[in-house]
Amino acid sequence: MESEDKVVIFITTGTDEEAHKVADKLLKERKAACVNILPKMSSRFWWQGKLDSAQESLLIVKTKRSRVEEIVRLVRDIHSYEVPEIIALPIIGGSKDYLGWIGKEVK
C-alpha cells in the first residue's frame, strides 16, 4: 500500500520565524516533501506543574516514516524549546498520486 511508509509530523514553534527556519531546513535537506505552516495558533498546556499558554506556529510535515528519527534530531538541534512538540502520525490512506509524490520528493 502506497501510504504505509508515509507519515505526517506535527511540530510547534514559538515564532513564525522559527517555523520558517525549521521548514526551510527540512525541505532543503529533502527530509520532507511539503511543510504547511499555520501561524499564530493559541496553545494551552501543562508546563512544569502549571497551566500555561502561548501563541505558536504549527508545522505539518509530510515525509517518509524512515525519516522520522532524523527529523526529530534535526529539529531538537535547532529548536528554541527545551521540549519541542515533534509527533509523527501514520498516514493510513489518501490520494495515491499525492502519496507517490511524497515518496519521490523525500530523499
C-alpha atoms as a PDB file:
ATOM      1  CA  MET A   1       0.000   0.000   0.000  1.00  0.00           C
ATOM      2  CA  GLU A   2       1.325   3.438  -1.002  1.00  0.00           C
ATOM      3  CA  SER A   3       0.578   5.035   2.402  1.00  0.00           C
ATOM      4  CA  GLU A   4       2.402   2.511   4.592  1.00  0.00           C
ATOM      5  CA  ASP A   5       5.729   4.341   4.650  1.00  0.00           C
ATOM      6  CA  LYS A   6       4.317   7.898   4.800  1.00  0.00           C
ATOM      7  CA  VAL A   7       3.751   9.994   7.938  1.00  0.00           C
ATOM      8  CA  VAL A   8       2.617  13.441   8.974  1.00  0.00           C
ATOM      9  CA  ILE A   9       4.673  15.126  11.672  1.00  0.00           C
ATOM     10  CA  PHE A  10       3.338  17.958  13.841  1.00  0.00           C
ATOM     11  CA  ILE A  11       5.927  20.420  15.165  1.00  0.00           C
ATOM     12  CA  THR A  12       5.112  23.574  17.123  1.00  0.00           C
ATOM     13  CA  THR A  13       7.379  26.609  17.363  1.00  0.00           C
ATOM     14  CA  GLY A  14       7.307  29.763  19.450  1.00  0.00           C
ATOM     15  CA  THR A  15       7.534  32.122  16.491  1.00  0.00           C
ATOM     16  CA  ASP A  16       6.659  32.259  12.827  1.00  0.00           C
ATOM     17  CA  GLU A  17      10.333  32.940  12.072  1.00  0.00           C
ATOM     18  CA  GLU A  18      11.380  29.739  13.818  1.00  0.00           C
ATOM     19  CA  ALA A  19       8.679  27.814  11.929  1.00  0.00           C
ATOM     20  CA  HIS A  20      10.088  29.024   8.610  1.00  0.00           C
ATOM     21  CA  LYS A  21      13.639  28.195   9.727  1.00  0.00           C
ATOM     22  CA  VAL A  22      12.643  24.617  10.590  1.00  0.00           C
ATOM     23  CA  ALA A  23      10.565  24.207   7.413  1.00  0.00           C
ATOM     24  CA  ASP A  24      13.346  25.523   5.187  1.00  0.00           C
ATOM     25  CA  LYS A  25      15.907  23.189   6.771  1.00  0.00           C
ATOM     26  CA  LEU A  26      13.666  20.134   6.333  1.00  0.00           C
ATOM     27  CA  LEU A  27      12.893  20.999   2.731  1.00  0.00           C
ATOM     28  CA  LYS A  28      16.426  21.965   1.681  1.00  0.00           C
ATOM     29  CA  GLU A  29      17.766  18.699   3.107  1.00  0.00           C
ATOM     30  CA  ARG A  30      14.946  16.795   1.293  1.00  0.00           C
ATOM     31  CA  LYS A  31      13.700  15.288   4.555  1.00  0.00           C
ATOM     32  CA  ALA A  32      10.166  16.481   3.764  1.00  0.00           C
ATOM     33  CA  ALA A  33       8.141  16.800   0.582  1.00  0.00           C
ATOM     34  CA  CYS A  34       5.890  19.548   1.954  1.00  0.00           C
ATOM     35  CA  VAL A  35       5.598  21.625   5.123  1.00  0.00           C
ATOM     36  CA  ASN A  36       2.476  23.635   5.922  1.00  0.00           C
ATOM     37  CA  ILE A  37       2.856  26.453   8.452  1.00  0.00           C
ATOM     38  CA  LEU A  38      -0.164  27.563  10.449  1.00  0.00           C
ATOM     39  CA  PRO A  39       0.842  30.797  12.215  1.00  0.00           C
ATOM     40  CA  LYS A  40      -0.453  32.304  15.443  1.00  0.00           C
ATOM     41  CA  MET A  41      -2.158  29.270  16.898  1.00  0.00           C
ATOM     42  CA  SER A  42      -3.289  29.569  20.506  1.00  0.00           C
ATOM     43  CA  SER A  43      -1.967  26.714  22.655  1.00  0.00           C
ATOM     44  CA  ARG A  44      -2.826  25.774  26.237  1.00  0.00           C
ATOM     45  CA  PHE A  45      -0.806  23.154  28.077  1.00  0.00           C
ATOM     46  CA  TRP A  46       0.691  21.980  31.313  1.00  0.00           C
ATOM     47  CA  TRP A  47       4.328  23.019  31.780  1.00  0.00           C
ATOM     48  CA  GLN A  48       6.398  22.459  34.919  1.00  0.00           C
ATOM     49  CA  GLY A  49       3.304  21.805  37.045  1.00  0.00           C
ATOM     50  CA  LYS A  50       1.381  24.900  35.930  1.00  0.00           C
ATOM     51  CA  LEU A  51      -1.285  25.571  33.332  1.00  0.00           C
ATOM     52  CA  ASP A  52       0.321  27.765  30.655  1.00  0.00           C
ATOM     53  CA  SER A  53      -0.481  29.224  27.258  1.00  0.00           C
ATOM     54  CA  ALA A  54       1.393  30.526  24.221  1.00  0.00           C
ATOM     55  CA  GLN A  55       0.939  31.778  20.703  1.00  0.00           C
ATOM     56  CA  GLU A  56       2.668  29.239  18.493  1.00  0.00           C
ATOM     57  CA  SER A  57       3.037  28.223  14.874  1.00  0.00           C
ATOM     58  CA  LEU A  58       2.221  24.666  13.812  1.00  0.00           C
ATOM     59  CA  LEU A  59       4.182  22.859  11.116  1.00  0.00           C
ATOM     60  CA  ILE A  60       2.533  19.956   9.320  1.00  0.00           C
ATOM     61  CA  VAL A  61       5.318  17.947   7.703  1.00  0.00           C
ATOM     62  CA  LYS A  62       4.704  15.273   5.057  1.00  0.00           C
ATOM     63  CA  THR A  63       7.507  12.732   4.848  1.00  0.00           C
ATOM     64  CA  LYS A  64       8.528   9.084   4.977  1.00  0.00           C
ATOM     65  CA  ARG A  65       8.471   7.014   8.159  1.00  0.00           C
ATOM     66  CA  SER A  66      12.184   6.272   7.655  1.00  0.00           C
ATOM     67  CA  ARG A  67      12.997   9.979   8.123  1.00  0.00           C
ATOM     68  CA  VAL A  68      11.254  10.471  11.475  1.00  0.00           C
ATOM     69  CA  GLU A  69      14.274   9.934  13.750  1.00  0.00           C
ATOM     70  CA  GLU A  70      16.470  12.182  11.578  1.00  0.00           C
ATOM     71  CA  ILE A  71      13.806  14.894  11.685  1.00  0.00           C
ATOM     72  CA  VAL A  72      13.495  14.612  15.467  1.00  0.00           C
ATOM     73  CA  ARG A  73      17.279  15.063  15.858  1.00  0.00           C
ATOM     74  CA  LEU A  74      17.434  17.940  13.371  1.00  0.00           C
ATOM     75  CA  VAL A  75      14.542  19.811  14.982  1.00  0.00           C
ATOM     76  CA  ARG A  76      15.879  19.320  18.516  1.00  0.00           C
ATOM     77  CA  ASP A  77      19.252  20.741  17.402  1.00  0.00           C
ATOM     78  CA  ILE A  78      17.781  23.990  16.054  1.00  0.00           C
ATOM     79  CA  HIS A  79      14.595  24.432  18.130  1.00  0.00           C
ATOM     80  CA  SER A  80      14.360  27.027  20.890  1.00  0.00           C
ATOM     81  CA  TYR A  81      12.110  24.945  23.181  1.00  0.00           C
ATOM     82  CA  GLU A  82      13.528  22.738  25.911  1.00  0.00           C
ATOM     83  CA  VAL A  83      10.962  20.072  24.966  1.00  0.00           C
ATOM     84  CA  PRO A  84       9.651  20.735  21.453  1.00  0.00           C
ATOM     85  CA  GLU A  85       6.496  19.033  20.232  1.00  0.00           C
ATOM     86  CA  ILE A  86       7.526  16.628  17.475  1.00  0.00           C
ATOM     87  CA  ILE A  87       4.939  13.891  16.931  1.00  0.00           C
ATOM     88  CA  ALA A  88       4.537  11.599  13.941  1.00  0.00           C
ATOM     89  CA  LEU A  89       1.234  10.112  12.840  1.00  0.00           C
ATOM     90  CA  PRO A  90       0.860   7.390  10.217  1.00  0.00           C
ATOM     91  CA  ILE A  91      -0.956   8.165   7.003  1.00  0.00           C
ATOM     92  CA  ILE A  92      -3.455   5.341   6.589  1.00  0.00           C
ATOM     93  CA  GLY A  93      -4.711   6.326   3.148  1.00  0.00           C
ATOM     94  CA  GLY A  94      -5.213   9.097   0.652  1.00  0.00           C
ATOM     95  CA  SER A  95      -4.551  10.098  -2.926  1.00  0.00           C
ATOM     96  CA  LYS A  96      -2.146   7.597  -4.485  1.00  0.00           C
ATOM     97  CA  ASP A  97      -0.764  10.369  -6.696  1.00  0.00           C
ATOM     98  CA  TYR A  98      -0.035  12.618  -3.693  1.00  0.00           C
ATOM     99  CA  LEU A  99       1.445   9.798  -1.615  1.00  0.00           C
ATOM    100  CA  GLY A 100       3.621   8.788  -4.563  1.00  0.00           C
ATOM    101  CA  TRP A 101       4.782  12.385  -4.898  1.00  0.00           C
ATOM    102  CA  ILE A 102       5.859  12.415  -1.228  1.00  0.00           C
ATOM    103  CA  GLY A 103       7.866   9.263  -1.869  1.00  0.00           C
ATOM    104  CA  LYS A 104       9.617  10.809  -4.878  1.00  0.00           C
ATOM    105  CA  GLU A 105      10.467  14.111  -3.201  1.00  0.00           C
ATOM    106  CA  VAL A 106      11.878  12.831   0.114  1.00  0.00           C
ATOM    107  CA  LYS A 107      15.435  11.565  -0.323  1.00  0.00           C
END
